[in-house]
N, C-alpha and C. Protein backbone atom coordinates (compact mmCIF):
# COMPACT_ATOMS: atom_id res chain seq x y z
N MET A 1 10.50 9.81 -8.80
CA MET A 1 9.54 10.18 -9.84
C MET A 1 9.65 9.28 -11.04
N ARG A 2 10.83 9.01 -11.36
CA ARG A 2 11.23 8.09 -12.62
C ARG A 2 10.49 6.70 -12.32
N GLN A 3 10.63 6.17 -11.06
CA GLN A 3 9.97 4.86 -10.80
C GLN A 3 8.56 4.92 -10.83
N TRP A 4 7.93 6.00 -10.51
CA TRP A 4 6.43 6.17 -10.57
C TRP A 4 6.03 5.96 -12.07
N PHE A 5 6.69 6.52 -13.01
CA PHE A 5 6.38 6.29 -14.45
C PHE A 5 6.65 4.81 -14.84
N THR A 6 7.72 4.26 -14.43
CA THR A 6 8.10 2.95 -14.96
C THR A 6 7.25 1.85 -14.25
N ASN A 7 6.71 2.20 -13.16
CA ASN A 7 5.76 1.22 -12.44
C ASN A 7 4.34 1.13 -12.98
N ARG A 8 4.05 2.13 -13.86
CA ARG A 8 2.66 2.07 -14.52
C ARG A 8 2.59 1.04 -15.54
N THR A 9 1.33 0.47 -15.66
CA THR A 9 1.09 -0.66 -16.58
C THR A 9 0.75 -0.04 -17.92
N ALA A 10 0.93 -0.90 -18.99
CA ALA A 10 0.50 -0.40 -20.29
C ALA A 10 -1.03 -0.06 -20.44
N GLY A 11 -1.75 -0.79 -19.69
CA GLY A 11 -3.19 -0.52 -19.72
C GLY A 11 -3.54 0.83 -19.11
N TYR A 12 -2.81 1.31 -18.18
CA TYR A 12 -2.98 2.65 -17.61
C TYR A 12 -2.73 3.64 -18.66
N TRP A 13 -1.60 3.66 -19.37
CA TRP A 13 -1.22 4.64 -20.28
C TRP A 13 -2.30 4.58 -21.50
N ARG A 14 -2.69 3.34 -21.80
CA ARG A 14 -3.61 3.34 -23.01
C ARG A 14 -5.00 3.91 -22.55
N GLU A 15 -5.46 3.65 -21.35
CA GLU A 15 -6.76 4.36 -20.98
C GLU A 15 -6.58 5.82 -20.75
N LEU A 16 -5.42 6.24 -20.34
CA LEU A 16 -5.07 7.74 -20.12
C LEU A 16 -5.15 8.41 -21.50
N VAL A 17 -4.57 7.84 -22.46
CA VAL A 17 -4.48 8.39 -23.82
C VAL A 17 -5.94 8.38 -24.42
N THR A 18 -6.65 7.37 -24.19
CA THR A 18 -8.08 7.26 -24.68
C THR A 18 -8.95 8.46 -24.05
N LEU A 19 -8.79 8.59 -22.77
CA LEU A 19 -9.48 9.64 -22.08
C LEU A 19 -9.11 11.05 -22.63
N ALA A 20 -7.83 11.26 -22.73
CA ALA A 20 -7.39 12.58 -23.29
C ALA A 20 -7.93 12.86 -24.73
N PHE A 21 -7.86 11.87 -25.57
CA PHE A 21 -8.34 11.95 -26.93
C PHE A 21 -9.79 12.17 -26.87
N SER A 22 -10.54 11.52 -26.06
CA SER A 22 -11.99 11.70 -25.98
C SER A 22 -12.37 13.12 -25.58
N LEU A 23 -11.63 13.61 -24.55
CA LEU A 23 -11.95 14.97 -24.11
C LEU A 23 -11.61 15.99 -25.25
N LEU A 24 -10.43 15.88 -25.83
CA LEU A 24 -10.10 16.81 -26.89
C LEU A 24 -11.10 16.71 -28.13
N ALA A 25 -11.42 15.48 -28.46
CA ALA A 25 -12.39 15.34 -29.56
C ALA A 25 -13.75 15.92 -29.23
N GLY A 26 -14.14 15.75 -28.03
CA GLY A 26 -15.48 16.26 -27.60
C GLY A 26 -15.40 17.74 -27.62
N ILE A 27 -14.42 18.39 -27.10
CA ILE A 27 -14.31 19.86 -27.05
C ILE A 27 -14.31 20.38 -28.57
N ARG A 28 -13.56 19.69 -29.37
CA ARG A 28 -13.40 20.10 -30.74
C ARG A 28 -14.87 20.00 -31.46
N ALA A 29 -15.51 18.99 -31.17
CA ALA A 29 -16.90 18.80 -31.72
C ALA A 29 -17.80 19.96 -31.23
N ILE A 30 -17.62 20.33 -29.95
CA ILE A 30 -18.56 21.40 -29.50
C ILE A 30 -18.14 22.74 -30.09
N GLN A 31 -16.83 22.86 -30.35
CA GLN A 31 -16.30 24.15 -31.01
C GLN A 31 -16.84 24.33 -32.39
N SER A 32 -17.14 23.17 -33.11
CA SER A 32 -17.51 23.20 -34.40
C SER A 32 -18.83 23.93 -34.61
N PHE A 33 -19.59 23.99 -33.52
CA PHE A 33 -20.83 24.65 -33.58
C PHE A 33 -20.72 26.17 -33.26
N HIS A 34 -19.53 26.67 -33.10
CA HIS A 34 -19.23 28.07 -32.91
C HIS A 34 -19.59 29.01 -33.96
N SER A 35 -20.48 29.95 -33.60
CA SER A 35 -20.95 30.81 -34.61
C SER A 35 -20.61 32.27 -34.40
N GLY A 36 -19.54 32.45 -33.75
CA GLY A 36 -19.01 33.82 -33.50
C GLY A 36 -19.03 34.21 -31.94
N ASN A 37 -20.01 33.67 -31.30
CA ASN A 37 -20.08 33.88 -29.81
C ASN A 37 -20.19 32.53 -29.16
N TRP A 38 -19.43 32.42 -28.02
CA TRP A 38 -19.42 31.16 -27.26
C TRP A 38 -20.69 31.10 -26.43
N GLU A 39 -21.63 30.11 -26.76
CA GLU A 39 -22.89 30.01 -26.15
C GLU A 39 -22.81 29.37 -24.73
N LEU A 40 -23.73 29.70 -23.91
CA LEU A 40 -23.77 29.07 -22.52
C LEU A 40 -23.86 27.66 -22.55
N TRP A 41 -24.62 27.10 -23.51
CA TRP A 41 -24.79 25.58 -23.57
C TRP A 41 -23.49 24.98 -23.90
N GLN A 42 -22.63 25.63 -24.69
CA GLN A 42 -21.29 25.09 -25.06
C GLN A 42 -20.47 24.99 -23.84
N THR A 43 -20.47 26.03 -22.99
CA THR A 43 -19.67 26.10 -21.81
C THR A 43 -20.12 25.03 -20.86
N LEU A 44 -21.43 24.77 -20.68
CA LEU A 44 -21.99 23.77 -19.89
C LEU A 44 -21.68 22.33 -20.37
N LEU A 45 -21.60 22.18 -21.72
CA LEU A 45 -21.38 20.91 -22.28
C LEU A 45 -19.90 20.53 -22.11
N VAL A 46 -18.99 21.52 -22.21
CA VAL A 46 -17.57 21.36 -22.12
C VAL A 46 -17.31 20.98 -20.57
N SER A 47 -17.99 21.69 -19.69
CA SER A 47 -17.84 21.44 -18.22
C SER A 47 -18.26 19.99 -17.83
N ALA A 48 -19.36 19.67 -18.46
CA ALA A 48 -19.93 18.25 -18.08
C ALA A 48 -18.93 17.21 -18.66
N LEU A 49 -18.44 17.39 -19.89
CA LEU A 49 -17.55 16.46 -20.51
C LEU A 49 -16.26 16.41 -19.72
N THR A 50 -15.72 17.51 -19.30
CA THR A 50 -14.48 17.52 -18.44
C THR A 50 -14.74 16.74 -17.14
N PHE A 51 -15.87 17.00 -16.52
CA PHE A 51 -16.23 16.28 -15.21
C PHE A 51 -16.23 14.81 -15.48
N LEU A 52 -16.89 14.45 -16.57
CA LEU A 52 -17.01 12.92 -16.86
C LEU A 52 -15.67 12.31 -17.05
N CYS A 53 -14.78 13.05 -17.80
CA CYS A 53 -13.40 12.49 -18.06
C CYS A 53 -12.63 12.42 -16.72
N LEU A 54 -12.81 13.40 -15.87
CA LEU A 54 -12.08 13.34 -14.49
C LEU A 54 -12.61 12.22 -13.68
N ALA A 55 -13.89 12.03 -13.65
CA ALA A 55 -14.48 10.90 -12.96
C ALA A 55 -14.02 9.56 -13.42
N SER A 56 -13.95 9.45 -14.76
CA SER A 56 -13.48 8.27 -15.42
C SER A 56 -11.93 7.98 -15.03
N TYR A 57 -11.16 9.11 -15.02
CA TYR A 57 -9.75 8.91 -14.69
C TYR A 57 -9.66 8.47 -13.19
N ARG A 58 -10.48 8.96 -12.29
CA ARG A 58 -10.46 8.57 -10.97
C ARG A 58 -10.58 6.99 -10.83
N GLN A 59 -11.43 6.51 -11.61
CA GLN A 59 -11.64 5.01 -11.63
C GLN A 59 -10.37 4.34 -12.21
N VAL A 60 -9.88 4.85 -13.29
CA VAL A 60 -8.65 4.32 -13.90
C VAL A 60 -7.62 4.21 -12.89
N TRP A 61 -7.29 5.38 -12.20
CA TRP A 61 -6.26 5.48 -11.29
C TRP A 61 -6.48 4.51 -10.18
N SER A 62 -7.67 4.48 -9.64
CA SER A 62 -7.96 3.55 -8.51
C SER A 62 -7.62 2.06 -8.85
N SER A 63 -8.03 1.76 -10.03
CA SER A 63 -7.65 0.30 -10.61
C SER A 63 -6.15 0.21 -10.72
N GLU A 64 -5.50 1.17 -11.26
CA GLU A 64 -4.05 1.16 -11.49
C GLU A 64 -3.30 1.04 -10.11
N ARG A 65 -3.76 1.80 -9.16
CA ARG A 65 -3.04 1.79 -7.84
C ARG A 65 -3.08 0.46 -7.20
N ARG A 66 -4.34 -0.24 -7.45
CA ARG A 66 -4.50 -1.52 -6.75
C ARG A 66 -3.69 -2.60 -7.48
N ASN A 67 -3.53 -2.47 -8.82
CA ASN A 67 -2.99 -3.62 -9.62
C ASN A 67 -1.40 -3.40 -9.84
N SER A 68 -0.87 -2.26 -9.57
CA SER A 68 0.52 -2.04 -9.83
C SER A 68 1.21 -1.71 -8.50
N PRO A 69 2.48 -2.18 -8.39
CA PRO A 69 3.20 -1.93 -7.14
C PRO A 69 3.52 -0.47 -6.94
N ALA A 70 3.57 -0.15 -5.64
CA ALA A 70 3.96 1.20 -5.27
C ALA A 70 5.49 1.39 -5.39
N VAL A 71 6.20 0.29 -5.08
CA VAL A 71 7.68 0.22 -5.14
C VAL A 71 8.06 -1.12 -5.70
N VAL A 72 9.15 -1.16 -6.59
CA VAL A 72 9.69 -2.29 -7.03
C VAL A 72 11.30 -2.11 -6.96
N GLY A 73 11.90 -3.13 -6.53
CA GLY A 73 13.38 -3.03 -6.45
C GLY A 73 14.06 -3.88 -5.44
N SER A 74 15.26 -3.55 -5.02
CA SER A 74 15.92 -4.28 -4.02
C SER A 74 17.07 -3.28 -3.48
N GLY A 75 17.70 -3.76 -2.50
CA GLY A 75 18.84 -2.93 -1.94
C GLY A 75 18.30 -1.58 -1.41
N ASP A 76 18.98 -0.52 -1.96
CA ASP A 76 18.73 0.82 -1.41
C ASP A 76 17.28 1.22 -1.77
N THR A 77 16.70 0.85 -2.86
CA THR A 77 15.35 1.22 -3.20
C THR A 77 14.31 0.74 -2.15
N ILE A 78 14.41 -0.46 -1.77
CA ILE A 78 13.57 -1.04 -0.82
C ILE A 78 13.86 -0.53 0.57
N ALA A 79 15.13 -0.30 0.91
CA ALA A 79 15.54 0.25 2.18
C ALA A 79 14.87 1.61 2.42
N ARG A 80 14.91 2.43 1.36
CA ARG A 80 14.24 3.71 1.40
C ARG A 80 12.74 3.69 1.64
N ALA A 81 12.11 2.68 0.97
CA ALA A 81 10.73 2.50 0.99
C ALA A 81 10.32 2.03 2.36
N ASN A 82 11.05 1.11 2.94
CA ASN A 82 10.83 0.61 4.30
C ASN A 82 10.87 1.77 5.29
N TYR A 83 11.99 2.56 5.16
CA TYR A 83 12.24 3.64 6.12
C TYR A 83 11.11 4.61 5.98
N ALA A 84 10.58 4.91 4.77
CA ALA A 84 9.54 5.93 4.67
C ALA A 84 8.26 5.45 5.32
N TRP A 85 8.00 4.16 5.35
CA TRP A 85 6.84 3.65 6.01
C TRP A 85 7.04 3.63 7.53
N LEU A 86 8.16 3.20 7.96
CA LEU A 86 8.42 3.07 9.41
C LEU A 86 8.38 4.29 10.10
N LYS A 87 8.82 5.38 9.48
CA LYS A 87 8.86 6.72 10.03
C LYS A 87 7.47 7.40 10.30
N GLN A 88 6.47 6.87 9.67
CA GLN A 88 5.11 7.36 9.80
C GLN A 88 4.52 7.06 11.15
N PRO A 89 3.84 8.00 11.77
CA PRO A 89 3.37 7.84 13.12
C PRO A 89 2.17 6.79 13.19
N GLY A 90 2.02 6.24 14.36
CA GLY A 90 0.90 5.30 14.54
C GLY A 90 1.36 3.92 14.84
N ARG A 91 0.51 3.10 15.42
CA ARG A 91 0.79 1.68 15.78
C ARG A 91 0.99 0.93 14.49
N MET A 92 2.09 0.07 14.48
CA MET A 92 2.40 -0.64 13.31
C MET A 92 2.41 -2.21 13.63
N VAL A 93 1.81 -3.00 12.71
CA VAL A 93 1.80 -4.46 12.93
C VAL A 93 2.52 -5.05 11.70
N VAL A 94 3.47 -5.89 11.99
CA VAL A 94 4.25 -6.56 10.91
C VAL A 94 4.02 -8.11 10.86
N LEU A 95 3.55 -8.56 9.77
CA LEU A 95 3.38 -10.02 9.58
C LEU A 95 4.62 -10.49 8.83
N THR A 96 5.43 -11.30 9.40
CA THR A 96 6.68 -11.63 8.76
C THR A 96 7.08 -13.11 9.26
N ARG A 97 8.14 -13.59 8.75
CA ARG A 97 8.58 -14.91 9.24
C ARG A 97 9.52 -14.79 10.33
N ASP A 98 10.67 -14.00 10.19
CA ASP A 98 11.66 -13.89 11.19
C ASP A 98 12.37 -12.51 11.21
N MET A 99 11.74 -11.53 10.55
CA MET A 99 12.34 -10.15 10.40
C MET A 99 13.69 -10.18 9.80
N SER A 100 13.97 -11.05 8.86
CA SER A 100 15.28 -11.15 8.22
C SER A 100 15.59 -9.96 7.45
N TRP A 101 14.53 -9.11 7.07
CA TRP A 101 14.80 -7.88 6.27
C TRP A 101 15.21 -6.75 7.20
N PHE A 102 15.32 -6.89 8.53
CA PHE A 102 15.70 -5.94 9.54
C PHE A 102 17.20 -5.74 9.47
N LEU A 103 17.69 -5.13 8.32
CA LEU A 103 19.10 -5.08 8.13
C LEU A 103 19.69 -3.74 8.08
N ASP A 104 19.05 -2.79 7.14
CA ASP A 104 19.73 -1.46 6.92
C ASP A 104 19.58 -0.61 8.16
N SER A 105 20.54 0.20 8.44
CA SER A 105 20.56 0.97 9.66
C SER A 105 19.37 1.94 9.80
N ALA A 106 18.86 2.49 8.68
CA ALA A 106 17.76 3.45 8.82
C ALA A 106 16.46 2.72 9.30
N SER A 107 16.17 1.68 8.64
CA SER A 107 15.02 0.87 9.17
C SER A 107 15.29 0.28 10.52
N ASN A 108 16.46 -0.11 10.86
CA ASN A 108 16.76 -0.60 12.14
C ASN A 108 16.46 0.39 13.24
N GLY A 109 16.90 1.66 12.98
CA GLY A 109 16.60 2.76 13.93
C GLY A 109 15.18 3.06 14.03
N ALA A 110 14.46 3.09 12.91
CA ALA A 110 12.99 3.42 13.03
C ALA A 110 12.19 2.37 13.73
N LEU A 111 12.60 1.06 13.53
CA LEU A 111 11.85 0.00 14.17
C LEU A 111 12.12 0.05 15.63
N LYS A 112 13.37 0.40 16.10
CA LYS A 112 13.65 0.50 17.47
C LYS A 112 12.82 1.63 18.12
N GLU A 113 12.68 2.68 17.41
CA GLU A 113 11.89 3.86 17.99
C GLU A 113 10.44 3.34 18.09
N LYS A 114 9.97 2.61 17.15
CA LYS A 114 8.59 2.08 17.28
C LYS A 114 8.41 1.16 18.44
N ALA A 115 9.37 0.27 18.59
CA ALA A 115 9.34 -0.66 19.74
C ALA A 115 9.41 0.10 21.03
N GLU A 116 10.35 1.04 21.18
CA GLU A 116 10.37 1.81 22.43
C GLU A 116 9.22 2.64 22.85
N SER A 117 8.45 3.05 21.80
CA SER A 117 7.27 3.84 22.05
C SER A 117 6.00 2.96 22.25
N GLY A 118 6.13 1.64 22.22
CA GLY A 118 5.00 0.72 22.32
C GLY A 118 4.03 0.67 21.15
N GLU A 119 4.65 1.03 19.98
CA GLU A 119 3.79 1.08 18.76
C GLU A 119 4.15 0.04 17.76
N LEU A 120 4.78 -1.03 18.18
CA LEU A 120 5.21 -2.11 17.28
C LEU A 120 4.73 -3.49 17.75
N THR A 121 4.03 -4.24 16.86
CA THR A 121 3.61 -5.59 17.08
C THR A 121 4.16 -6.40 16.04
N LEU A 122 4.86 -7.55 16.31
CA LEU A 122 5.44 -8.42 15.30
C LEU A 122 4.79 -9.81 15.40
N LEU A 123 4.26 -10.13 14.21
CA LEU A 123 3.69 -11.50 14.17
C LEU A 123 4.74 -12.37 13.38
N VAL A 124 5.36 -13.36 14.12
CA VAL A 124 6.43 -14.10 13.58
C VAL A 124 6.44 -15.60 13.71
N ALA A 125 6.97 -16.34 12.90
CA ALA A 125 6.97 -17.80 12.99
C ALA A 125 8.20 -18.24 13.76
N VAL A 126 9.32 -17.40 13.68
CA VAL A 126 10.54 -17.72 14.33
C VAL A 126 11.08 -16.50 15.11
N GLU A 127 11.41 -16.70 16.38
CA GLU A 127 11.83 -15.61 17.22
C GLU A 127 13.45 -15.53 17.07
N SER A 128 13.79 -14.84 15.92
CA SER A 128 15.22 -14.69 15.60
C SER A 128 15.93 -13.67 16.66
N ALA A 129 17.19 -13.49 16.32
CA ALA A 129 17.89 -12.49 17.14
C ALA A 129 17.27 -11.10 16.93
N ASN A 130 16.92 -10.79 15.67
CA ASN A 130 16.24 -9.48 15.34
C ASN A 130 14.98 -9.29 16.23
N VAL A 131 14.18 -10.30 16.23
CA VAL A 131 12.90 -10.30 16.95
C VAL A 131 13.16 -10.09 18.37
N ARG A 132 14.01 -10.83 18.93
CA ARG A 132 14.31 -10.75 20.41
C ARG A 132 14.91 -9.40 20.79
N GLN A 133 15.73 -8.87 19.86
CA GLN A 133 16.19 -7.43 20.18
C GLN A 133 15.03 -6.39 20.25
N LEU A 134 14.08 -6.48 19.28
CA LEU A 134 12.99 -5.56 19.34
C LEU A 134 12.12 -5.85 20.49
N ALA A 135 11.99 -7.14 20.94
CA ALA A 135 11.14 -7.47 22.02
C ALA A 135 11.68 -6.82 23.26
N SER A 136 13.05 -6.92 23.39
CA SER A 136 13.70 -6.27 24.63
C SER A 136 13.46 -4.79 24.73
N LEU A 137 13.20 -4.16 23.57
CA LEU A 137 12.94 -2.71 23.61
C LEU A 137 11.50 -2.37 23.70
N GLY A 138 10.60 -3.33 23.76
CA GLY A 138 9.18 -3.09 24.08
C GLY A 138 8.27 -3.48 22.97
N ALA A 139 8.73 -4.12 21.96
CA ALA A 139 7.78 -4.58 20.89
C ALA A 139 6.97 -5.80 21.38
N GLU A 140 5.67 -5.86 21.04
CA GLU A 140 4.86 -6.93 21.31
C GLU A 140 5.10 -8.09 20.35
N ILE A 141 5.36 -9.26 20.77
CA ILE A 141 5.69 -10.35 19.92
C ILE A 141 4.59 -11.47 19.98
N ILE A 142 4.07 -11.81 18.76
CA ILE A 142 3.02 -12.82 18.70
C ILE A 142 3.69 -13.98 17.86
N ASN A 143 3.91 -15.15 18.36
CA ASN A 143 4.58 -16.19 17.70
C ASN A 143 3.47 -17.17 17.17
N TYR A 144 3.32 -17.17 15.82
CA TYR A 144 2.30 -18.12 15.27
C TYR A 144 2.97 -19.43 14.82
N GLY A 145 4.21 -19.61 15.12
CA GLY A 145 4.89 -20.78 14.65
C GLY A 145 4.31 -22.08 15.16
N SER A 146 3.58 -22.13 16.24
CA SER A 146 3.04 -23.36 16.75
C SER A 146 1.63 -23.57 16.32
N PHE A 147 1.14 -22.68 15.41
CA PHE A 147 -0.29 -22.80 14.94
C PHE A 147 -0.50 -23.93 13.95
N GLY A 148 0.66 -24.42 13.31
CA GLY A 148 0.57 -25.43 12.26
C GLY A 148 0.39 -24.91 10.89
N PHE A 149 0.57 -23.58 10.69
CA PHE A 149 0.50 -23.12 9.38
C PHE A 149 1.38 -21.85 9.31
N THR A 150 1.86 -21.54 8.15
CA THR A 150 2.63 -20.36 7.94
C THR A 150 2.06 -19.58 6.83
N PRO A 151 1.52 -18.38 7.07
CA PRO A 151 0.89 -17.59 6.01
C PRO A 151 1.88 -17.28 4.84
N LYS A 152 1.32 -17.39 3.69
CA LYS A 152 2.18 -16.98 2.46
C LYS A 152 2.33 -15.44 2.39
N VAL A 153 1.30 -14.75 2.92
CA VAL A 153 1.29 -13.27 2.81
C VAL A 153 2.28 -12.72 3.80
N ARG A 154 2.98 -11.70 3.30
CA ARG A 154 3.89 -10.82 4.21
C ARG A 154 3.36 -9.43 4.07
N CYS A 155 3.02 -8.77 5.21
CA CYS A 155 2.42 -7.42 5.11
C CYS A 155 2.77 -6.65 6.30
N THR A 156 2.56 -5.35 6.18
CA THR A 156 2.79 -4.50 7.30
C THR A 156 1.52 -3.48 7.33
N ILE A 157 0.95 -3.39 8.45
CA ILE A 157 -0.21 -2.47 8.62
C ILE A 157 0.17 -1.23 9.44
N LEU A 158 0.06 -0.06 8.85
CA LEU A 158 0.37 1.11 9.43
C LEU A 158 -0.99 1.83 9.96
N ARG A 159 -0.78 2.38 11.28
CA ARG A 159 -1.86 2.92 12.02
C ARG A 159 -2.93 1.88 12.24
N TYR A 160 -2.54 0.68 12.66
CA TYR A 160 -3.40 -0.45 12.96
C TYR A 160 -4.57 -0.03 13.91
N GLY A 161 -5.83 -0.36 13.44
CA GLY A 161 -6.99 -0.04 14.36
C GLY A 161 -7.56 1.31 14.04
N ALA A 162 -6.90 2.19 13.30
CA ALA A 162 -7.41 3.56 13.01
C ALA A 162 -8.17 3.55 11.68
N SER A 163 -9.01 4.50 11.58
CA SER A 163 -9.78 4.59 10.36
C SER A 163 -9.10 4.90 9.02
N ASP A 164 -7.80 5.46 9.23
CA ASP A 164 -6.96 5.79 8.07
C ASP A 164 -5.79 4.79 7.90
N SER A 165 -5.97 3.60 8.47
CA SER A 165 -4.88 2.61 8.32
C SER A 165 -4.65 2.29 6.94
N LYS A 166 -3.46 1.74 6.54
CA LYS A 166 -3.24 1.19 5.25
C LYS A 166 -2.26 0.00 5.34
N ILE A 167 -2.23 -0.80 4.34
CA ILE A 167 -1.53 -2.08 4.43
C ILE A 167 -0.51 -2.08 3.28
N LEU A 168 0.68 -2.43 3.58
CA LEU A 168 1.76 -2.66 2.66
C LEU A 168 1.97 -4.18 2.46
N ILE A 169 1.65 -4.75 1.31
CA ILE A 169 1.78 -6.19 0.98
C ILE A 169 3.07 -6.37 0.31
N HIS A 170 3.85 -7.36 0.77
CA HIS A 170 5.22 -7.63 0.21
C HIS A 170 5.15 -8.83 -0.72
N LYS A 171 5.87 -8.83 -1.85
CA LYS A 171 5.89 -9.91 -2.75
C LYS A 171 7.25 -9.99 -3.42
N GLN A 172 7.86 -11.08 -3.40
CA GLN A 172 9.15 -11.39 -3.99
C GLN A 172 9.07 -12.08 -5.35
N LYS A 173 9.77 -11.62 -6.31
CA LYS A 173 9.76 -12.29 -7.64
C LYS A 173 10.96 -11.86 -8.42
N ASP A 174 11.62 -12.92 -9.03
CA ASP A 174 12.83 -12.60 -9.86
C ASP A 174 13.86 -11.86 -9.14
N GLY A 175 14.06 -12.05 -7.86
CA GLY A 175 15.07 -11.29 -7.11
C GLY A 175 14.79 -9.96 -6.66
N LYS A 176 13.51 -9.55 -6.98
CA LYS A 176 13.05 -8.24 -6.59
C LYS A 176 11.92 -8.31 -5.60
N ILE A 177 11.71 -7.18 -4.85
CA ILE A 177 10.69 -7.04 -3.91
C ILE A 177 9.63 -6.10 -4.44
N PHE A 178 8.41 -6.48 -4.38
CA PHE A 178 7.31 -5.60 -4.86
C PHE A 178 6.50 -5.18 -3.63
N PHE A 179 6.21 -3.94 -3.49
CA PHE A 179 5.32 -3.39 -2.43
C PHE A 179 4.04 -2.90 -3.05
N TYR A 180 2.97 -3.38 -2.48
CA TYR A 180 1.68 -2.98 -2.95
C TYR A 180 0.98 -2.35 -1.73
N GLU A 181 0.49 -1.05 -2.03
CA GLU A 181 -0.28 -0.44 -1.00
C GLU A 181 -1.79 -0.69 -1.11
N SER A 182 -2.40 -0.87 0.08
CA SER A 182 -3.86 -1.12 0.03
C SER A 182 -4.58 -0.30 1.20
N ILE A 183 -5.71 0.25 0.83
CA ILE A 183 -6.40 1.04 1.84
C ILE A 183 -7.85 0.44 1.96
N PRO A 184 -8.63 0.79 3.00
CA PRO A 184 -9.91 0.19 3.24
C PRO A 184 -10.82 0.15 2.06
N GLU A 185 -10.75 1.17 1.11
CA GLU A 185 -11.59 1.14 -0.07
C GLU A 185 -11.21 0.06 -1.06
N ASP A 186 -10.11 -0.66 -0.89
CA ASP A 186 -9.72 -1.67 -1.79
C ASP A 186 -10.25 -3.00 -1.32
N PHE A 187 -11.39 -3.33 -1.93
CA PHE A 187 -11.99 -4.62 -1.45
C PHE A 187 -11.80 -5.65 -2.50
N PRO A 188 -11.44 -6.92 -2.22
CA PRO A 188 -11.25 -7.44 -0.90
C PRO A 188 -9.75 -7.39 -0.36
N ASP A 189 -8.77 -6.96 -1.20
CA ASP A 189 -7.43 -7.00 -0.82
C ASP A 189 -7.14 -6.58 0.66
N TYR A 190 -7.48 -5.39 0.92
CA TYR A 190 -7.17 -4.79 2.24
C TYR A 190 -7.78 -5.66 3.36
N TRP A 191 -9.07 -6.08 3.16
CA TRP A 191 -9.80 -6.77 4.23
C TRP A 191 -9.39 -8.13 4.43
N LEU A 192 -8.88 -8.77 3.29
CA LEU A 192 -8.36 -10.18 3.52
C LEU A 192 -7.08 -10.13 4.47
N ALA A 193 -6.18 -9.19 4.07
CA ALA A 193 -4.91 -9.03 4.88
C ALA A 193 -5.32 -8.60 6.33
N GLN A 194 -6.26 -7.70 6.50
CA GLN A 194 -6.67 -7.27 7.89
C GLN A 194 -7.28 -8.40 8.63
N ASP A 195 -8.13 -9.21 7.99
CA ASP A 195 -8.73 -10.39 8.68
C ASP A 195 -7.70 -11.36 9.09
N LEU A 196 -6.66 -11.62 8.16
CA LEU A 196 -5.68 -12.63 8.57
C LEU A 196 -4.89 -12.11 9.81
N VAL A 197 -4.51 -10.81 9.85
CA VAL A 197 -3.74 -10.33 11.05
C VAL A 197 -4.64 -10.41 12.22
N ASP A 198 -5.89 -9.97 12.14
CA ASP A 198 -6.82 -10.02 13.25
C ASP A 198 -6.98 -11.41 13.81
N SER A 199 -7.06 -12.44 12.92
CA SER A 199 -7.23 -13.71 13.33
C SER A 199 -6.08 -14.32 14.06
N ILE A 200 -4.89 -13.95 13.61
CA ILE A 200 -3.65 -14.39 14.23
C ILE A 200 -3.60 -13.80 15.71
N ILE A 201 -3.84 -12.56 15.79
CA ILE A 201 -3.87 -11.82 17.06
C ILE A 201 -4.91 -12.42 18.02
N SER A 202 -6.09 -12.60 17.54
CA SER A 202 -7.16 -13.12 18.38
C SER A 202 -6.86 -14.56 18.84
N PHE A 203 -6.41 -15.34 17.92
CA PHE A 203 -6.07 -16.76 18.28
C PHE A 203 -4.92 -16.85 19.33
N SER A 204 -3.91 -15.93 19.13
CA SER A 204 -2.81 -15.96 20.00
C SER A 204 -3.26 -15.51 21.41
N ARG A 205 -4.10 -14.53 21.63
CA ARG A 205 -4.61 -14.16 22.89
C ARG A 205 -5.34 -15.26 23.54
N THR A 206 -6.08 -16.05 22.77
CA THR A 206 -6.84 -17.13 23.27
C THR A 206 -5.97 -18.25 23.86
N ARG A 207 -4.86 -18.45 23.10
CA ARG A 207 -3.91 -19.47 23.52
C ARG A 207 -2.72 -18.94 24.46
N GLY A 208 -2.76 -17.71 24.63
CA GLY A 208 -1.75 -17.16 25.55
C GLY A 208 -0.34 -17.11 24.95
N THR A 209 -0.19 -16.87 23.68
CA THR A 209 1.14 -16.93 23.05
C THR A 209 1.72 -15.61 22.73
N ILE A 210 1.19 -14.61 23.40
CA ILE A 210 1.73 -13.18 23.20
C ILE A 210 2.80 -12.87 24.25
N SER A 211 3.91 -12.35 23.83
CA SER A 211 4.96 -11.90 24.74
C SER A 211 5.26 -10.42 24.60
């Protein structure tokens, strides 16, 4: 909960305060016409004002969610975030270089379960020992190392191919890892990552580089 507050941008808090002040000021202005009895038009006006503020907040939160990370940190913080994602049901596709982050025991176990259930696809540039281990358990491996390019993006798609899929985009900066969540309504972030993964998978099938 503490991290949820610290991850919010200054712009989010500024807009939240502005909305709250606008709502209170509007209600206060409507109350100033109070003549002893609360009129129906006042009730309707307060309801409309509240609805507009809630609708505005929805837009503020949508923008904030897209522009601020869901998780920031390293070590145990990132391990817990990884595990929370990996434990969710559904097919998972991971675009990575060599699965070097496959370290902590919780994520290790969750990835193995995904592999054994046939719900894990790894898009990798290097088939490291971690990758080969997951392949032996049933994970689908797509090696894009021979394509002549290495994507800068690192992402994980949960419930790949389903209408409620979502993407976790990874970014490293100043020794910390930033996780950004993206859903289909987030245009173009979600769809750029989705198209990249689809293109790699499609090209691999054409070239027969899937194992």
